[in-house]
Amino acid sequence: MEDVIEDDEIPSSVTKQIDDFFEKYYEDWINMKIPSFDNMTPLQVLKTKEGKEKIENLLRDIENEYARSAIGDLPFFPVEKIRKRLGLD
């Protein structure tokens, strides 16, 4: 007998795949070329004072957006983990 899935219910196997995808994405984020950083990686951008400010502002904006999101529908972005990996903690 097949399990019945409610319209708004996501199967746990799909949720796991989504979680794994985002975990890998954010793990790799500091080494990705970001268009708004002139196609440099966050690690490259950090090498200048101006770049460090850009990264700090971006991470602060993300934190503020999460704080304003009343319904919690934003995808998780591990700001503190990213800060630590970039040496900004």
N, C-alpha and C. Protein backbone atom coordinates (compact mmCIF):
# COMPACT_ATOMS: atom_id res chain seq x y z
N MET A 1 0.84 -1.18 0.00
CA MET A 1 0.00 0.00 0.00
C MET A 1 0.89 1.25 0.00
N GLU A 2 0.57 2.21 -0.84
CA GLU A 2 1.34 3.45 -0.94
C GLU A 2 0.94 4.43 0.14
N ASP A 3 1.95 5.18 0.63
CA ASP A 3 1.66 6.23 1.60
C ASP A 3 0.95 7.38 0.91
N VAL A 4 -0.01 7.93 1.58
CA VAL A 4 -0.71 9.10 1.06
C VAL A 4 0.02 10.33 1.57
N ILE A 5 0.35 11.23 0.64
CA ILE A 5 1.05 12.46 1.00
C ILE A 5 0.09 13.63 0.87
N GLU A 6 -0.03 14.38 1.94
CA GLU A 6 -0.86 15.58 1.91
C GLU A 6 -0.25 16.58 0.94
N ASP A 7 -1.07 17.48 0.39
CA ASP A 7 -0.61 18.46 -0.58
C ASP A 7 0.55 19.30 -0.08
N ASP A 8 0.56 19.65 1.19
CA ASP A 8 1.59 20.53 1.71
C ASP A 8 2.73 19.79 2.42
N GLU A 9 2.71 18.47 2.36
CA GLU A 9 3.73 17.66 3.03
C GLU A 9 4.83 17.27 2.04
N ILE A 10 6.08 17.50 2.43
CA ILE A 10 7.22 17.13 1.60
C ILE A 10 7.79 15.84 2.18
N PRO A 11 7.97 14.83 1.35
CA PRO A 11 8.53 13.56 1.85
C PRO A 11 9.91 13.79 2.48
N SER A 12 10.20 13.05 3.54
CA SER A 12 11.46 13.23 4.25
C SER A 12 12.67 12.98 3.36
N SER A 13 12.55 12.10 2.39
CA SER A 13 13.69 11.85 1.48
C SER A 13 13.99 13.09 0.64
N VAL A 14 12.96 13.81 0.25
CA VAL A 14 13.15 15.03 -0.53
C VAL A 14 13.72 16.13 0.37
N THR A 15 13.21 16.24 1.57
CA THR A 15 13.72 17.22 2.52
C THR A 15 15.20 16.99 2.78
N LYS A 16 15.60 15.74 2.92
CA LYS A 16 17.02 15.39 3.15
C LYS A 16 17.87 15.82 1.95
N GLN A 17 17.38 15.57 0.74
CA GLN A 17 18.12 15.97 -0.47
C GLN A 17 18.28 17.49 -0.53
N ILE A 18 17.24 18.21 -0.19
CA ILE A 18 17.29 19.68 -0.18
C ILE A 18 18.29 20.15 0.87
N ASP A 19 18.21 19.60 2.07
CA ASP A 19 19.13 19.98 3.14
C ASP A 19 20.58 19.70 2.74
N ASP A 20 20.83 18.54 2.15
CA ASP A 20 22.18 18.18 1.71
C ASP A 20 22.69 19.14 0.64
N PHE A 21 21.81 19.49 -0.30
CA PHE A 21 22.19 20.42 -1.36
C PHE A 21 22.63 21.76 -0.78
N PHE A 22 21.81 22.33 0.12
CA PHE A 22 22.12 23.64 0.69
C PHE A 22 23.36 23.57 1.58
N GLU A 23 23.53 22.49 2.32
CA GLU A 23 24.73 22.36 3.15
C GLU A 23 25.99 22.38 2.29
N LYS A 24 25.99 21.65 1.19
CA LYS A 24 27.15 21.63 0.29
C LYS A 24 27.32 23.00 -0.37
N TYR A 25 26.23 23.60 -0.80
CA TYR A 25 26.29 24.91 -1.45
C TYR A 25 26.97 25.94 -0.53
N TYR A 26 26.50 26.00 0.72
CA TYR A 26 27.06 27.00 1.64
C TYR A 26 28.46 26.63 2.10
N GLU A 27 28.77 25.35 2.11
CA GLU A 27 30.14 24.93 2.42
C GLU A 27 31.10 25.44 1.35
N ASP A 28 30.64 25.45 0.09
CA ASP A 28 31.46 25.88 -1.04
C ASP A 28 31.37 27.39 -1.31
N TRP A 29 30.43 28.08 -0.68
CA TRP A 29 30.14 29.48 -1.00
C TRP A 29 31.36 30.39 -0.91
N ILE A 30 32.23 30.20 0.07
CA ILE A 30 33.37 31.11 0.23
C ILE A 30 34.36 31.00 -0.92
N ASN A 31 34.26 29.93 -1.71
CA ASN A 31 35.15 29.73 -2.86
C ASN A 31 34.45 29.95 -4.20
N MET A 32 33.21 30.43 -4.17
CA MET A 32 32.46 30.67 -5.40
C MET A 32 32.70 32.09 -5.91
N LYS A 33 32.75 32.24 -7.21
CA LYS A 33 32.83 33.57 -7.79
C LYS A 33 31.45 34.20 -7.72
N ILE A 34 31.39 35.37 -7.10
CA ILE A 34 30.12 36.06 -6.87
C ILE A 34 30.05 37.27 -7.80
N PRO A 35 29.04 37.33 -8.67
CA PRO A 35 28.95 38.46 -9.61
C PRO A 35 29.00 39.83 -8.94
N SER A 36 28.34 39.98 -7.81
CA SER A 36 28.34 41.30 -7.14
C SER A 36 29.69 41.64 -6.51
N PHE A 37 30.60 40.68 -6.48
CA PHE A 37 31.97 40.91 -6.02
C PHE A 37 32.92 40.90 -7.21
N ASP A 38 32.44 41.38 -8.37
CA ASP A 38 33.25 41.42 -9.60
C ASP A 38 33.82 40.04 -9.94
N ASN A 39 32.99 39.02 -9.75
CA ASN A 39 33.35 37.63 -10.04
C ASN A 39 34.58 37.15 -9.25
N MET A 40 34.75 37.70 -8.07
CA MET A 40 35.78 37.19 -7.17
C MET A 40 35.09 36.36 -6.09
N THR A 41 35.86 35.50 -5.45
CA THR A 41 35.31 34.71 -4.35
C THR A 41 35.31 35.56 -3.08
N PRO A 42 34.47 35.21 -2.11
CA PRO A 42 34.53 35.93 -0.84
C PRO A 42 35.93 35.92 -0.22
N LEU A 43 36.65 34.83 -0.34
CA LEU A 43 38.02 34.78 0.19
C LEU A 43 38.93 35.79 -0.51
N GLN A 44 38.76 35.96 -1.81
CA GLN A 44 39.56 36.94 -2.54
C GLN A 44 39.17 38.37 -2.15
N VAL A 45 37.89 38.60 -1.99
CA VAL A 45 37.38 39.93 -1.66
C VAL A 45 37.90 40.39 -0.30
N LEU A 46 38.06 39.45 0.62
CA LEU A 46 38.52 39.77 1.97
C LEU A 46 39.93 40.35 2.03
N LYS A 47 40.67 40.26 0.98
CA LYS A 47 42.07 40.69 0.99
C LYS A 47 42.25 42.21 1.08
N THR A 48 41.15 42.94 0.86
CA THR A 48 41.24 44.40 0.98
C THR A 48 40.29 44.89 2.08
N LYS A 49 40.57 46.05 2.60
CA LYS A 49 39.71 46.63 3.64
C LYS A 49 38.30 46.86 3.08
N GLU A 50 38.24 47.40 1.86
CA GLU A 50 36.93 47.64 1.22
C GLU A 50 36.18 46.32 1.02
N GLY A 51 36.89 45.30 0.61
CA GLY A 51 36.27 43.99 0.40
C GLY A 51 35.74 43.39 1.68
N LYS A 52 36.52 43.52 2.74
CA LYS A 52 36.07 43.02 4.03
C LYS A 52 34.79 43.72 4.46
N GLU A 53 34.70 45.01 4.22
CA GLU A 53 33.48 45.76 4.55
C GLU A 53 32.30 45.27 3.73
N LYS A 54 32.55 44.96 2.44
CA LYS A 54 31.47 44.43 1.59
C LYS A 54 30.94 43.11 2.13
N ILE A 55 31.86 42.24 2.51
CA ILE A 55 31.46 40.94 3.06
C ILE A 55 30.69 41.13 4.36
N GLU A 56 31.21 41.97 5.24
CA GLU A 56 30.53 42.23 6.51
C GLU A 56 29.13 42.78 6.28
N ASN A 57 29.00 43.73 5.35
CA ASN A 57 27.69 44.32 5.04
C ASN A 57 26.74 43.26 4.49
N LEU A 58 27.23 42.41 3.60
CA LEU A 58 26.38 41.36 3.04
C LEU A 58 25.89 40.42 4.14
N LEU A 59 26.78 39.97 4.98
CA LEU A 59 26.38 39.05 6.05
C LEU A 59 25.42 39.73 7.03
N ARG A 60 25.65 41.00 7.32
CA ARG A 60 24.73 41.75 8.19
C ARG A 60 23.35 41.88 7.54
N ASP A 61 23.33 42.16 6.23
CA ASP A 61 22.06 42.26 5.51
C ASP A 61 21.30 40.93 5.56
N ILE A 62 22.01 39.83 5.41
CA ILE A 62 21.37 38.52 5.47
C ILE A 62 20.79 38.28 6.86
N GLU A 63 21.56 38.59 7.89
CA GLU A 63 21.06 38.43 9.26
C GLU A 63 19.82 39.29 9.49
N ASN A 64 19.84 40.53 9.01
CA ASN A 64 18.69 41.42 9.18
C ASN A 64 17.47 40.91 8.43
N GLU A 65 17.68 40.37 7.25
CA GLU A 65 16.57 39.83 6.47
C GLU A 65 15.92 38.66 7.21
N TYR A 66 16.72 37.80 7.81
CA TYR A 66 16.17 36.70 8.62
C TYR A 66 15.38 37.24 9.80
N ALA A 67 15.89 38.27 10.44
CA ALA A 67 15.20 38.84 11.60
C ALA A 67 13.85 39.44 11.20
N ARG A 68 13.77 40.01 9.99
CA ARG A 68 12.52 40.62 9.53
C ARG A 68 11.53 39.61 8.98
N SER A 69 11.99 38.43 8.63
CA SER A 69 11.12 37.43 8.03
C SER A 69 10.20 36.84 9.10
N ALA A 70 8.98 37.30 9.09
CA ALA A 70 8.01 36.90 10.11
C ALA A 70 7.56 35.45 9.96
N ILE A 71 7.56 34.95 8.75
CA ILE A 71 7.03 33.60 8.54
C ILE A 71 8.13 32.55 8.38
N GLY A 72 9.39 32.96 8.42
CA GLY A 72 10.49 32.02 8.38
C GLY A 72 10.59 31.23 7.09
N ASP A 73 10.25 31.85 5.98
CA ASP A 73 10.25 31.14 4.71
C ASP A 73 11.54 31.29 3.91
N LEU A 74 12.57 31.91 4.52
CA LEU A 74 13.83 32.09 3.82
C LEU A 74 14.67 30.82 3.95
N PRO A 75 15.40 30.46 2.89
CA PRO A 75 16.29 29.30 3.03
C PRO A 75 17.41 29.61 4.03
N PHE A 76 17.79 28.61 4.78
CA PHE A 76 18.80 28.78 5.81
C PHE A 76 20.13 29.20 5.21
N PHE A 77 20.77 30.21 5.79
CA PHE A 77 22.11 30.65 5.41
C PHE A 77 22.92 30.72 6.69
N PRO A 78 23.92 29.86 6.84
CA PRO A 78 24.65 29.76 8.10
C PRO A 78 25.65 30.92 8.29
N VAL A 79 25.14 32.08 8.61
CA VAL A 79 25.96 33.30 8.71
C VAL A 79 27.11 33.12 9.68
N GLU A 80 26.84 32.60 10.86
CA GLU A 80 27.91 32.46 11.86
C GLU A 80 28.98 31.48 11.38
N LYS A 81 28.57 30.41 10.75
CA LYS A 81 29.53 29.44 10.22
C LYS A 81 30.39 30.07 9.12
N ILE A 82 29.75 30.87 8.25
CA ILE A 82 30.47 31.55 7.17
C ILE A 82 31.46 32.56 7.77
N ARG A 83 31.01 33.31 8.76
CA ARG A 83 31.90 34.28 9.42
C ARG A 83 33.15 33.57 9.97
N LYS A 84 32.93 32.46 10.61
CA LYS A 84 34.04 31.70 11.20
C LYS A 84 34.99 31.22 10.11
N ARG A 85 34.47 30.67 9.04
CA ARG A 85 35.31 30.16 7.96
C ARG A 85 36.09 31.27 7.27
N LEU A 86 35.54 32.48 7.28
CA LEU A 86 36.23 33.62 6.68
C LEU A 86 37.15 34.34 7.67
N GLY A 87 37.14 33.90 8.91
CA GLY A 87 37.97 34.54 9.93
C GLY A 87 37.41 35.85 10.42
N LEU A 88 36.11 36.02 10.36
CA LEU A 88 35.46 37.27 10.75
C LEU A 88 34.76 37.19 12.11
N ASP A 89 34.94 36.12 12.81
CA ASP A 89 34.23 35.96 14.09
C ASP A 89 34.96 36.62 15.23
